[in-house]
Amino acid sequence: MFAKVSRQSIRRFPSTSQKRLIGQNVVRHFSGVKDFPGANISARQLKTTFELPSPTEPHADGKKGFQLTKIVATIGPTSEQLEPLRKVVKAGSSDRSSIIQDTADHGGHVKALQDVRATLLDTRGPEIRCGKLKNDDSGHETISLEKGNTITLQTSPEYEQEGSTENDLFINYAKLNQCMAPGMKVLLDDGAVILTVAEVEGGEHGPVVCSIDNSGELRSRAGVNLPMAETDLPAMSEKDKKDIKYGLEIDVDYVAASFIQSAEGVREIRTYMQQCAEELGWEKDRPLPLIISKIESASALINFDEILDESDGIMVARGDLGVEIPIQQVTNAQKEMVAACNAVGKPVIVATQMLESMAKNPRPTRAEVSDVTNAVYDGADAVMTSGETAKGKYPSETIQMMNDIILASERYASSGSLGSLYVQHGGKKSLFVGEKNLTTAVAKGAVTTSLAHGSKAILVLSEKGGLAALVSGFRPDCPIIAFCSSAKAARQLNLRRGIFPVIGLDDVPEDDKAAVAMKEAVAMGFIAAGDSIIMLDTNDEFGGSSTFSSATVPEEY
């Protein structure tokens, strides 16, 4: 039975001349609630608020807000030179949140990378590609594939040498016939041309005969995707190994491992990094780059739990993932992965086409703004730009826009407004549980107390940053100022939601550290006199146990 709704339930917005929509409370009266036995009386009157403050404006108390979700910005031709890179960093550094993704071009990034806060090396990963086209000496030739025709995918080296044609297309994966079956799809050049497998021959280098689903042009060495196929590609190509070793030489903070399909692949990369560290003469206790596994295939989704256990973090790489699985399932997979990472307290990045249109335009589309907003609502630790900042016309403007979207989203998510009740945000809605030990209990207690007191910041005194990472897992609504003794530990905390690492306090007497930390947080603009804060510390006198306390910033600070 449908409930009757009175005319009063229809929301009438003010006319344009009134210009009073923003900030107005609109009340709906649902007279039909009585038609539902047992309906809660509070449902009779729902209040919606449209108080939408500008992200650049201070809070009602006059203080600046700090965004908690981080930004990973890809550098490339339009942003890799020193001055453009400084603009990108400045656009993201008003809240100290930028992390730079290095695309492993060894040529000119080293000097520029000294000017950023943390670096992530993005490997290319093992790739399946078409061969060079026959007689394509210029590298610009294409072949035309016509809908309804058949084409044979060949893996024999002789076809690589002869060159590909409209009839025979070389594919550089020798075991192609072992992972394909009739009815499966093959996507060429990011899905520009789609093939359906019709016949598969066995044996070594057995050809795969396909029908062409749509007409299109194909260039030399175009990428190949095999949706839902399980391959045995190695975790690293030879180029990946060179890039990873280069990354260790310049001391990158994270390695984004492309096309990870199993936990064993993550272990292989970690073992290889340990070998590189030994060759470079690193001390055994020197931290390696953290491994961020990029999830971009059906196999990775099947093995996701094991990959998450073995990885230091996850990147939801929606580009290839949207080709490898049905595109309408990408958002669902994203939400599942973000929630899984939140539950175990590991950082997660949402990537690909977030503000894609800003590669050419100074403003994003409404759908792109919604995309970034919903990634924040889902609980992502970071959102990432790709071509927008690597080769787009507006790299610094893209980062500033992303800043504004994040801050507006986080303000709304913690506002208590009607719609924010459905947001998977932080605090009481945190999915993270953590291990059952005293340190976890202290971290959770600190976050719970910060929410109850409306604290402006949580200050964590922790040498290696482990305690700050635990606090971040419980998703407080305020910045976490993590005082670390190591620059490397500080940079590797940068990816986690809400953490703003600070290097120092090593030479400060133990009894003075809390006061000095509070003064430093005031000097950096995180807190001010009269603010409520939470202080966490590790006490060596009691076996390294952690404690927290609440405090008010004194007027003299």
Protein backbone atom coordinates (compact mmCIF):
# COMPACT_ATOMS: atom_id res chain seq x y z
CA MET A 1 0.00 0.00 0.00
CA PHE A 2 1.24 3.47 -0.86
CA ALA A 3 1.26 6.19 1.76
CA LYS A 4 -0.65 9.35 0.99
CA VAL A 5 1.54 12.41 0.99
CA SER A 6 0.05 15.82 1.61
CA ARG A 7 0.85 18.83 -0.52
CA GLN A 8 3.00 20.09 2.31
CA SER A 9 5.51 17.36 1.51
CA ILE A 10 6.33 18.98 -1.84
CA ARG A 11 9.46 21.08 -1.50
CA ARG A 12 9.06 24.47 -3.16
CA PHE A 13 12.30 26.31 -3.74
CA PRO A 14 12.37 30.11 -3.55
CA SER A 15 12.23 32.04 -6.78
CA THR A 16 15.43 33.26 -8.37
CA SER A 17 14.75 36.78 -7.16
CA GLN A 18 14.68 35.60 -3.56
CA LYS A 19 18.10 33.96 -3.81
CA ARG A 20 17.70 32.35 -0.40
CA LEU A 21 18.18 28.66 -1.18
CA ILE A 22 21.67 28.27 0.22
CA GLY A 23 21.56 27.99 3.99
CA GLN A 24 17.76 27.61 4.14
CA ASN A 25 16.22 24.77 6.12
CA VAL A 26 13.46 23.07 4.15
CA VAL A 27 10.96 21.06 6.21
CA ARG A 28 8.89 18.25 4.76
CA HIS A 29 5.74 17.08 6.57
CA PHE A 30 4.78 13.51 5.70
CA SER A 31 1.14 13.07 6.70
CA GLY A 32 1.10 9.55 5.30
CA VAL A 33 3.45 8.15 7.97
CA LYS A 34 0.41 7.11 10.00
CA ASP A 35 -0.41 4.61 7.26
CA PHE A 36 2.61 2.55 8.32
CA PRO A 37 1.98 0.78 11.67
CA GLY A 38 4.88 1.19 14.06
CA ALA A 39 6.51 4.01 12.13
CA ASN A 40 8.88 6.05 14.25
CA ILE A 41 7.33 9.36 15.22
CA SER A 42 10.56 11.16 14.34
CA ALA A 43 9.99 10.21 10.71
CA ARG A 44 6.97 12.50 10.63
CA GLN A 45 9.24 15.47 10.16
CA LEU A 46 12.48 15.25 8.21
CA LYS A 47 14.73 18.28 8.06
CA THR A 48 17.07 18.89 5.16
CA THR A 49 19.67 21.59 5.20
CA PHE A 50 21.40 23.19 2.26
CA GLU A 51 24.12 24.98 4.15
CA LEU A 52 26.89 24.66 1.61
CA PRO A 53 29.89 26.76 2.67
CA SER A 54 32.64 27.47 0.20
CA PRO A 55 35.67 25.25 0.84
CA THR A 56 37.86 28.34 0.78
CA GLU A 57 35.91 29.99 3.60
CA PRO A 58 36.78 29.35 7.25
CA HIS A 59 34.50 27.39 9.57
CA ALA A 60 31.85 29.16 11.61
CA ASP A 61 34.42 29.52 14.39
CA GLY A 62 36.65 31.45 11.98
CA LYS A 63 39.30 28.73 11.67
CA LYS A 64 40.65 27.17 8.50
CA GLY A 65 39.64 23.60 7.69
CA PHE A 66 42.17 20.97 6.70
CA GLN A 67 41.29 18.28 4.21
CA LEU A 68 41.99 14.74 5.36
CA THR A 69 41.88 12.86 2.05
CA LYS A 70 45.18 13.03 0.16
CA ILE A 71 45.94 13.68 -3.51
CA VAL A 72 48.31 11.64 -5.69
CA ALA A 73 49.32 13.75 -8.70
CA THR A 74 50.91 12.12 -11.75
CA ILE A 75 53.75 14.13 -13.28
CA GLY A 76 54.48 14.08 -16.99
CA PRO A 77 55.40 16.34 -19.92
CA THR A 78 53.39 19.37 -18.76
CA SER A 79 54.32 19.15 -15.08
CA GLU A 80 57.74 17.50 -14.80
CA GLN A 81 59.83 20.65 -15.17
CA LEU A 82 60.73 22.36 -11.93
CA GLU A 83 58.54 25.46 -12.15
CA PRO A 84 55.29 23.70 -13.26
CA LEU A 85 55.93 21.01 -10.63
CA ARG A 86 56.28 23.66 -7.94
CA LYS A 87 52.91 25.08 -8.96
CA VAL A 88 51.31 21.64 -8.72
CA VAL A 89 52.84 21.04 -5.30
CA LYS A 90 51.82 24.51 -4.11
CA ALA A 91 48.24 23.92 -5.26
CA GLY A 92 48.13 20.80 -3.12
CA SER A 93 50.35 21.89 -0.27
CA SER A 94 48.02 24.39 1.37
CA ASP A 95 46.90 21.38 3.39
CA ARG A 96 50.18 19.46 3.03
CA SER A 97 48.51 16.64 1.15
CA SER A 98 50.27 16.15 -2.18
CA ILE A 99 52.04 12.97 -3.19
CA ILE A 100 53.73 12.85 -6.58
CA GLN A 101 53.49 9.83 -8.85
CA ASP A 102 56.67 9.37 -10.89
CA THR A 103 56.14 7.49 -14.14
CA ALA A 104 59.71 6.13 -14.07
CA ASP A 105 61.23 8.30 -16.78
CA HIS A 106 64.81 8.33 -15.55
CA GLY A 107 65.74 11.42 -17.49
CA GLY A 108 64.77 14.59 -15.68
CA HIS A 109 62.81 13.93 -12.53
CA VAL A 110 65.47 13.56 -9.86
CA LYS A 111 66.09 17.25 -9.22
CA ALA A 112 62.40 18.05 -9.35
CA LEU A 113 61.48 15.24 -6.94
CA GLN A 114 63.61 16.84 -4.25
CA ASP A 115 60.95 19.53 -4.01
CA VAL A 116 57.96 17.30 -3.18
CA ARG A 117 56.69 15.60 -0.04
CA ALA A 118 56.49 11.97 -1.08
CA THR A 119 57.00 10.02 -4.30
CA LEU A 120 55.27 6.99 -5.77
CA LEU A 121 56.94 5.10 -8.61
CA ASP A 122 54.39 3.66 -11.04
CA THR A 123 55.66 0.56 -12.83
CA ARG A 124 54.38 -0.35 -16.28
CA GLY A 125 53.82 -3.98 -15.36
CA PRO A 126 53.73 -6.99 -17.68
CA GLU A 127 51.70 -6.11 -20.75
CA ILE A 128 50.09 -8.04 -23.57
CA ARG A 129 50.40 -6.18 -26.87
CA CYS A 130 49.90 -6.63 -30.59
CA GLY A 131 52.96 -6.82 -32.80
CA LYS A 132 54.27 -4.25 -35.21
CA LEU A 133 52.18 -3.93 -38.38
CA LYS A 134 53.64 -5.12 -41.64
CA ASN A 135 55.48 -2.35 -43.53
CA ASP A 136 54.89 0.15 -40.70
CA ASP A 137 58.28 1.83 -40.94
CA SER A 138 56.97 5.22 -39.76
CA GLY A 139 55.13 3.88 -36.71
CA HIS A 140 51.99 5.74 -37.77
CA GLU A 141 50.38 3.19 -40.08
CA THR A 142 47.09 1.46 -39.19
CA ILE A 143 45.06 -1.46 -40.47
CA SER A 144 41.28 -1.49 -40.87
CA LEU A 145 39.33 -4.24 -39.12
CA GLU A 146 35.80 -4.69 -40.45
CA LYS A 147 32.83 -5.89 -38.42
CA GLY A 148 31.86 -9.47 -39.23
CA ASN A 149 35.23 -10.47 -40.62
CA THR A 150 37.50 -12.99 -38.91
CA ILE A 151 41.06 -12.45 -37.73
CA THR A 152 43.54 -14.98 -36.38
CA LEU A 153 45.61 -14.15 -33.32
CA GLN A 154 49.09 -15.64 -33.71
CA THR A 155 51.81 -16.11 -31.07
CA SER A 156 54.48 -17.80 -33.21
CA PRO A 157 57.71 -15.75 -33.53
CA GLU A 158 57.55 -15.95 -37.34
CA TYR A 159 54.45 -13.71 -37.34
CA GLU A 160 56.27 -11.20 -35.16
CA GLN A 161 59.05 -11.02 -37.73
CA GLU A 162 56.72 -10.80 -40.75
CA GLY A 163 54.46 -8.15 -39.20
CA SER A 164 50.73 -8.15 -38.49
CA THR A 165 48.00 -7.80 -41.11
CA GLU A 166 44.20 -7.65 -41.25
CA ASN A 167 44.16 -11.46 -41.33
CA ASP A 168 46.90 -12.45 -38.89
CA LEU A 169 47.64 -10.38 -35.78
CA PHE A 170 50.68 -11.20 -33.67
CA ILE A 171 50.14 -11.19 -29.88
CA ASN A 172 53.19 -11.21 -27.57
CA TYR A 173 51.76 -13.71 -25.07
CA ALA A 174 52.86 -17.23 -26.01
CA LYS A 175 50.23 -18.98 -23.86
CA LEU A 176 47.27 -17.09 -25.34
CA ASN A 177 45.51 -20.25 -26.51
CA GLN A 178 45.77 -21.79 -23.03
CA CYS A 179 43.71 -19.07 -21.35
CA MET A 180 41.08 -18.49 -24.06
CA ALA A 181 37.91 -20.37 -24.95
CA PRO A 182 35.15 -19.88 -27.54
CA GLY A 183 32.83 -17.03 -26.58
CA MET A 184 35.44 -15.08 -24.60
CA LYS A 185 36.29 -11.51 -25.60
CA VAL A 186 39.56 -9.92 -26.68
CA LEU A 187 39.80 -6.13 -26.46
CA LEU A 188 42.29 -4.29 -28.64
CA ASP A 189 43.59 -0.78 -27.93
CA ASP A 190 41.59 -0.21 -24.71
CA GLY A 191 38.45 -1.68 -26.24
CA ALA A 192 38.44 0.37 -29.45
CA VAL A 193 38.07 -2.93 -31.32
CA ILE A 194 36.37 -5.95 -29.70
CA LEU A 195 36.83 -9.55 -30.83
CA THR A 196 34.90 -12.69 -29.91
CA VAL A 197 36.82 -15.96 -29.77
CA ALA A 198 35.39 -18.48 -32.24
CA GLU A 199 37.99 -21.26 -32.27
CA VAL A 200 41.08 -22.14 -30.24
CA GLU A 201 43.74 -24.57 -31.46
CA GLY A 202 45.86 -26.48 -28.96
CA GLY A 203 49.57 -27.10 -28.84
CA GLU A 204 52.46 -24.70 -28.65
CA HIS A 205 51.65 -21.33 -30.27
CA GLY A 206 48.17 -22.56 -31.24
CA PRO A 207 46.29 -19.80 -33.12
CA VAL A 208 43.08 -18.24 -31.80
CA VAL A 209 40.47 -17.44 -34.44
CA CYS A 210 38.15 -14.52 -33.65
CA SER A 211 35.24 -12.69 -35.22
CA ILE A 212 35.38 -8.88 -35.26
CA ASP A 213 32.51 -7.30 -33.31
CA ASN A 214 32.97 -3.73 -34.50
CA SER A 215 34.88 -1.88 -37.18
CA GLY A 216 37.92 0.18 -36.27
CA GLU A 217 41.52 1.14 -36.99
CA LEU A 218 44.40 -0.60 -35.22
CA ARG A 219 47.94 0.72 -34.80
CA SER A 220 51.19 -1.11 -34.17
CA ARG A 221 51.81 -2.50 -30.68
CA ALA A 222 48.34 -1.62 -29.38
CA GLY A 223 47.44 -2.95 -25.95
CA VAL A 224 45.47 -6.17 -25.56
CA ASN A 225 43.04 -7.00 -22.73
CA LEU A 226 41.65 -10.46 -22.05
CA PRO A 227 38.57 -9.94 -19.83
CA MET A 228 37.99 -12.74 -17.29
CA ALA A 229 41.00 -14.73 -18.58
CA GLU A 230 43.54 -16.06 -16.08
CA THR A 231 47.08 -15.57 -17.32
CA ASP A 232 50.44 -16.47 -15.81
CA LEU A 233 52.20 -13.22 -16.64
CA PRO A 234 55.20 -12.45 -14.40
CA ALA A 235 54.84 -9.87 -11.65
CA MET A 236 57.64 -7.78 -13.17
CA SER A 237 58.92 -7.20 -16.68
CA GLU A 238 62.60 -6.51 -17.26
CA LYS A 239 61.78 -2.82 -17.57
CA ASP A 240 59.93 -2.96 -14.23
CA LYS A 241 63.04 -4.36 -12.58
CA LYS A 242 65.17 -1.53 -13.94
CA ASP A 243 62.61 1.05 -12.86
CA ILE A 244 62.27 -0.38 -9.34
CA LYS A 245 66.03 -0.40 -8.85
CA TYR A 246 66.16 3.19 -10.09
CA GLY A 247 63.41 4.02 -7.60
CA LEU A 248 65.50 2.68 -4.74
CA GLU A 249 68.50 4.67 -5.94
CA ILE A 250 66.54 7.93 -5.65
CA ASP A 251 64.77 6.75 -2.46
CA VAL A 252 61.14 6.73 -3.60
CA ASP A 253 58.58 6.13 -0.87
CA TYR A 254 56.10 3.85 -2.64
CA VAL A 255 56.07 1.49 -5.62
CA ALA A 256 52.77 1.08 -7.44
CA ALA A 257 52.89 -2.45 -8.83
CA SER A 258 50.87 -2.74 -12.04
CA PHE A 259 48.77 -5.75 -13.05
CA ILE A 260 49.25 -7.64 -9.80
CA GLN A 261 47.26 -10.87 -10.07
CA SER A 262 48.20 -12.78 -6.91
CA ALA A 263 49.86 -12.43 -3.52
CA GLU A 264 52.88 -14.28 -4.89
CA GLY A 265 53.46 -11.38 -7.29
CA VAL A 266 53.65 -8.96 -4.37
CA ARG A 267 56.12 -11.23 -2.59
CA GLU A 268 58.30 -11.42 -5.72
CA ILE A 269 58.49 -7.63 -5.90
CA ARG A 270 59.34 -7.29 -2.21
CA THR A 271 62.07 -9.93 -2.51
CA TYR A 272 63.50 -8.16 -5.54
CA MET A 273 63.56 -4.84 -3.68
CA GLN A 274 65.44 -6.51 -0.82
CA GLN A 275 68.01 -7.80 -3.32
CA CYS A 276 68.39 -4.32 -4.82
CA ALA A 277 68.83 -2.81 -1.35
CA GLU A 278 71.64 -5.27 -0.62
CA GLU A 279 73.33 -4.44 -3.93
CA LEU A 280 73.10 -0.74 -3.11
CA GLY A 281 74.65 -1.33 0.31
CA TRP A 282 71.61 -0.35 2.34
CA GLU A 283 71.58 -1.11 6.03
CA LYS A 284 69.18 -3.91 6.94
CA ASP A 285 66.91 -1.70 9.05
CA ARG A 286 66.48 0.92 6.31
CA PRO A 287 62.81 0.93 5.18
CA LEU A 288 62.05 -0.27 1.67
CA PRO A 289 59.45 1.50 -0.50
CA LEU A 290 55.92 0.45 0.41
CA ILE A 291 54.14 -1.66 -2.21
CA ILE A 292 50.82 -0.34 -3.49
CA SER A 293 49.19 -3.11 -5.52
CA LYS A 294 47.18 -1.89 -8.51
CA ILE A 295 43.99 -3.88 -8.94
CA GLU A 296 43.16 -3.86 -12.64
CA SER A 297 42.12 -7.37 -13.68
CA ALA A 298 39.55 -10.04 -12.95
CA SER A 299 42.29 -12.29 -11.53
CA ALA A 300 43.26 -9.59 -9.05
CA LEU A 301 39.66 -9.34 -7.86
CA ILE A 302 39.44 -13.11 -7.45
CA ASN A 303 42.63 -13.08 -5.35
CA PHE A 304 41.99 -9.71 -3.71
CA ASP A 305 41.97 -10.79 -0.05
CA GLU A 306 45.36 -12.50 -0.37
CA ILE A 307 46.78 -9.54 -2.31
CA LEU A 308 45.55 -7.13 0.36
CA ASP A 309 47.18 -9.21 3.12
CA GLU A 310 50.54 -9.10 1.36
CA SER A 311 50.43 -5.45 0.19
CA ASP A 312 51.09 -2.21 2.05
CA GLY A 313 48.19 -0.53 0.24
CA ILE A 314 45.85 -0.82 -2.74
CA MET A 315 45.19 1.30 -5.81
CA VAL A 316 41.77 0.94 -7.45
CA ALA A 317 43.06 1.28 -11.02
CA ARG A 318 39.78 1.79 -12.83
CA GLY A 319 41.22 2.24 -16.33
CA ASP A 320 42.24 -1.31 -17.16
CA LEU A 321 39.78 -2.69 -14.62
CA GLY A 322 36.95 -1.13 -16.63
CA VAL A 323 38.15 -3.07 -19.66
CA GLU A 324 38.84 -6.34 -17.86
CA ILE A 325 35.45 -6.61 -16.12
CA PRO A 326 31.99 -5.35 -17.14
CA ILE A 327 32.22 -1.57 -16.89
CA GLN A 328 28.95 -1.33 -14.93
CA GLN A 329 30.60 -3.35 -12.15
CA VAL A 330 33.62 -1.07 -11.67
CA THR A 331 31.93 1.20 -9.12
CA ASN A 332 30.73 -1.81 -7.11
CA ALA A 333 34.24 -3.28 -7.15
CA GLN A 334 35.63 0.10 -6.06
CA LYS A 335 33.33 0.30 -3.06
CA GLU A 336 34.14 -3.27 -2.03
CA MET A 337 37.89 -2.68 -2.25
CA VAL A 338 37.81 0.62 -0.38
CA ALA A 339 35.71 -0.94 2.39
CA ALA A 340 38.07 -3.93 2.62
CA CYS A 341 41.11 -1.65 2.95
CA ASN A 342 39.34 0.46 5.58
CA ALA A 343 38.49 -2.68 7.55
CA VAL A 344 42.14 -3.73 7.85
CA GLY A 345 43.56 -0.21 8.16
CA LYS A 346 45.57 -0.14 4.94
CA PRO A 347 45.66 2.92 2.65
CA VAL A 348 43.66 2.85 -0.58
CA ILE A 349 43.90 5.13 -3.63
CA VAL A 350 41.05 5.63 -6.11
CA ALA A 351 42.45 6.42 -9.55
CA THR A 352 41.72 7.06 -13.23
CA GLN A 353 39.66 9.75 -14.99
CA MET A 354 38.67 11.52 -11.77
CA LEU A 355 38.92 14.99 -13.34
CA GLU A 356 39.71 13.83 -16.88
CA SER A 357 38.03 16.74 -18.67
CA MET A 358 40.38 19.20 -16.96
CA ALA A 359 43.12 17.96 -19.28
CA LYS A 360 41.50 20.35 -21.78
CA ASN A 361 39.05 22.49 -19.80
CA PRO A 362 39.52 24.76 -16.76
CA ARG A 363 36.45 23.26 -15.04
CA PRO A 364 35.46 19.61 -14.49
CA THR A 365 32.14 18.03 -15.39
CA ARG A 366 29.48 17.61 -12.72
CA ALA A 367 29.85 13.84 -12.99
CA GLU A 368 33.60 14.11 -12.27
CA VAL A 369 32.93 16.22 -9.18
CA SER A 370 30.48 13.55 -8.01
CA ASP A 371 33.09 10.88 -8.66
CA VAL A 372 35.69 12.53 -6.42
CA THR A 373 33.05 13.29 -3.80
CA ASN A 374 31.83 9.71 -3.65
CA ALA A 375 35.40 8.38 -3.38
CA VAL A 376 35.78 10.58 -0.29
CA TYR A 377 32.44 9.36 1.06
CA ASP A 378 33.47 5.73 0.48
CA GLY A 379 36.54 6.21 2.67
CA ALA A 380 39.44 6.49 0.22
CA ASP A 381 42.73 7.59 1.75
CA ALA A 382 43.68 9.32 -1.49
CA VAL A 383 42.34 10.25 -4.90
CA MET A 384 44.60 10.42 -7.92
CA THR A 385 45.03 12.48 -11.06
CA SER A 386 46.49 10.95 -14.22
CA GLY A 387 46.59 12.68 -17.61
CA GLU A 388 45.04 15.81 -16.09
CA THR A 389 48.33 16.71 -14.39
CA ALA A 390 50.74 14.66 -16.55
CA LYS A 391 49.88 16.11 -19.95
CA GLY A 392 46.88 18.40 -19.47
CA LYS A 393 46.59 22.15 -19.94
CA TYR A 394 45.62 22.91 -16.33
CA PRO A 395 47.72 20.78 -13.94
CA SER A 396 47.83 23.15 -10.95
CA GLU A 397 44.18 24.17 -11.42
CA THR A 398 43.24 20.48 -11.38
CA ILE A 399 44.89 19.96 -8.00
CA GLN A 400 43.26 23.09 -6.58
CA MET A 401 39.85 21.92 -7.82
CA MET A 402 40.40 18.50 -6.27
CA ASN A 403 41.36 20.20 -3.00
CA ASP A 404 38.11 22.16 -3.00
CA ILE A 405 35.97 19.10 -3.79
CA ILE A 406 37.60 17.06 -1.03
CA LEU A 407 37.20 19.75 1.59
CA ALA A 408 33.56 20.40 0.67
CA SER A 409 32.85 16.66 0.78
CA GLU A 410 34.49 16.15 4.15
CA ARG A 411 32.73 19.13 5.70
CA TYR A 412 29.38 17.80 4.56
CA ALA A 413 30.14 14.20 5.58
CA SER A 414 30.82 15.26 9.18
CA SER A 415 28.01 17.83 9.36
CA GLY A 416 25.26 15.54 10.66
CA SER A 417 22.96 16.64 7.82
CA LEU A 418 20.29 14.25 6.60
CA GLY A 419 22.23 13.04 3.56
CA SER A 420 25.48 12.70 5.51
CA LEU A 421 23.88 9.95 7.60
CA TYR A 422 24.33 7.66 4.59
CA VAL A 423 28.01 8.46 4.12
CA GLN A 424 30.57 5.79 4.98
CA HIS A 425 32.78 8.27 6.73
CA GLY A 426 34.85 8.16 9.89
CA GLY A 427 34.54 8.05 13.64
CA LYS A 428 31.58 5.97 14.77
CA LYS A 429 31.16 4.59 11.23
CA SER A 430 34.74 3.35 10.93
CA LEU A 431 35.06 -0.22 9.64
CA PHE A 432 38.50 -0.66 11.19
CA VAL A 433 38.81 -2.95 14.19
CA GLY A 434 42.52 -3.65 14.50
CA GLU A 435 44.28 -6.20 16.64
CA LYS A 436 43.08 -6.80 20.16
CA ASN A 437 45.86 -5.13 22.12
CA LEU A 438 46.43 -2.10 24.31
CA THR A 439 47.86 0.10 21.54
CA THR A 440 44.80 -0.42 19.34
CA ALA A 441 42.50 0.29 22.28
CA VAL A 442 44.37 3.53 23.01
CA ALA A 443 44.16 4.64 19.36
CA LYS A 444 40.43 3.92 19.23
CA GLY A 445 39.86 5.65 22.57
CA ALA A 446 41.71 8.73 21.34
CA VAL A 447 39.51 8.98 18.24
CA THR A 448 36.31 8.39 20.21
CA THR A 449 37.32 11.12 22.67
CA SER A 450 38.21 13.51 19.84
CA LEU A 451 34.73 13.07 18.37
CA ALA A 452 33.05 13.60 21.73
CA HIS A 453 35.08 16.74 22.46
CA GLY A 454 35.03 18.17 18.93
CA SER A 455 38.83 18.20 19.01
CA LYS A 456 40.65 20.24 16.37
CA ALA A 457 43.62 17.88 16.10
CA ILE A 458 45.17 14.68 17.42
CA LEU A 459 48.89 15.00 18.16
CA VAL A 460 50.84 11.72 18.04
CA LEU A 461 54.39 11.38 19.33
CA SER A 462 55.66 8.26 17.60
CA GLU A 463 59.15 7.55 16.25
CA LYS A 464 58.21 5.24 13.37
CA GLY A 465 54.59 6.31 12.83
CA GLY A 466 52.83 3.04 13.67
CA LEU A 467 50.64 4.63 16.31
CA ALA A 468 49.58 7.42 13.95
CA ALA A 469 48.65 4.83 11.30
CA LEU A 470 46.38 3.10 13.83
CA VAL A 471 44.69 6.39 14.67
CA SER A 472 44.11 7.06 10.96
CA GLY A 473 42.44 3.66 10.63
CA PHE A 474 39.69 4.75 13.04
CA ARG A 475 38.96 7.76 10.78
CA PRO A 476 38.80 10.82 13.06
CA ASP A 477 37.23 14.03 11.72
CA CYS A 478 40.29 16.16 12.50
CA PRO A 479 43.95 16.24 11.40
CA ILE A 480 46.45 13.79 12.92
CA ILE A 481 49.77 15.56 13.50
CA ALA A 482 52.36 12.78 13.61
CA PHE A 483 55.76 13.75 15.05
CA CYS A 484 58.35 11.30 13.65
CA SER A 485 62.07 10.89 14.12
CA SER A 486 62.70 9.71 10.56
CA ALA A 487 62.11 11.56 7.30
CA LYS A 488 61.41 8.26 5.54
CA ALA A 489 58.79 7.24 8.11
CA ALA A 490 57.20 10.66 7.80
CA ARG A 491 56.97 10.47 4.00
CA GLN A 492 55.52 6.96 4.11
CA LEU A 493 52.76 8.18 6.42
CA ASN A 494 51.77 10.84 3.90
CA LEU A 495 49.43 8.56 1.97
CA ARG A 496 47.19 7.82 4.94
CA ARG A 497 44.02 9.79 5.42
CA GLY A 498 44.29 12.64 7.90
CA ILE A 499 47.97 12.27 8.79
CA PHE A 500 50.24 15.31 8.54
CA PRO A 501 53.76 14.12 9.45
CA VAL A 502 56.30 16.40 11.11
CA ILE A 503 59.98 15.53 11.56
CA GLY A 504 61.48 16.52 14.89
CA LEU A 505 61.38 16.37 18.70
CA ASP A 506 64.40 14.02 18.86
CA ASP A 507 66.49 16.52 20.83
CA VAL A 508 63.61 17.64 23.06
CA PRO A 509 63.60 16.32 26.64
CA GLU A 510 60.87 13.72 27.23
CA ASP A 511 59.01 15.90 29.74
CA ASP A 512 58.89 18.82 27.28
CA LYS A 513 57.80 16.98 24.12
CA ALA A 514 54.05 17.43 24.58
CA ALA A 515 54.35 21.18 25.11
CA VAL A 516 56.77 21.63 22.21
CA ALA A 517 54.56 19.53 19.91
CA MET A 518 51.55 21.67 20.83
CA LYS A 519 53.46 24.88 20.10
CA GLU A 520 54.63 23.51 16.74
CA ALA A 521 51.05 22.57 15.79
CA VAL A 522 49.95 26.12 16.68
CA ALA A 523 52.79 27.61 14.60
CA MET A 524 51.76 25.49 11.59
CA GLY A 525 48.16 26.68 11.84
CA PHE A 526 46.54 23.38 12.78
CA ILE A 527 45.32 24.54 16.19
CA ALA A 528 44.92 27.77 18.16
CA ALA A 529 44.51 28.92 21.74
CA GLY A 530 41.36 27.49 23.32
CA ASP A 531 41.11 24.49 20.98
CA SER A 532 40.48 21.02 22.32
CA ILE A 533 43.16 18.53 21.29
CA ILE A 534 44.11 14.90 21.96
CA MET A 535 47.72 13.96 22.75
CA LEU A 536 49.05 10.41 22.24
CA ASP A 537 52.46 9.31 23.42
CA THR A 538 54.49 6.14 23.90
CA ASN A 539 55.97 5.82 27.36
CA ASP A 540 59.29 3.97 27.42
CA GLU A 541 59.25 3.79 31.22
CA PHE A 542 56.33 1.38 31.07
CA GLY A 543 57.57 -0.97 28.36
CA GLY A 544 56.61 1.25 25.45
CA SER A 545 52.92 1.36 26.31
CA SER A 546 50.80 4.07 24.69
CA THR A 547 48.59 6.57 26.46
CA PHE A 548 46.38 9.48 25.44
CA SER A 549 45.03 12.55 27.15
CA SER A 550 42.77 15.44 26.23
CA ALA A 551 43.89 19.03 26.64
CA THR A 552 43.02 22.61 25.78
CA VAL A 553 45.58 24.78 24.02
CA PRO A 554 46.68 27.48 26.51
CA GLU A 555 46.19 31.15 25.66
CA GLU A 556 49.94 31.83 25.79
CA TYR A 557 50.48 29.43 22.85
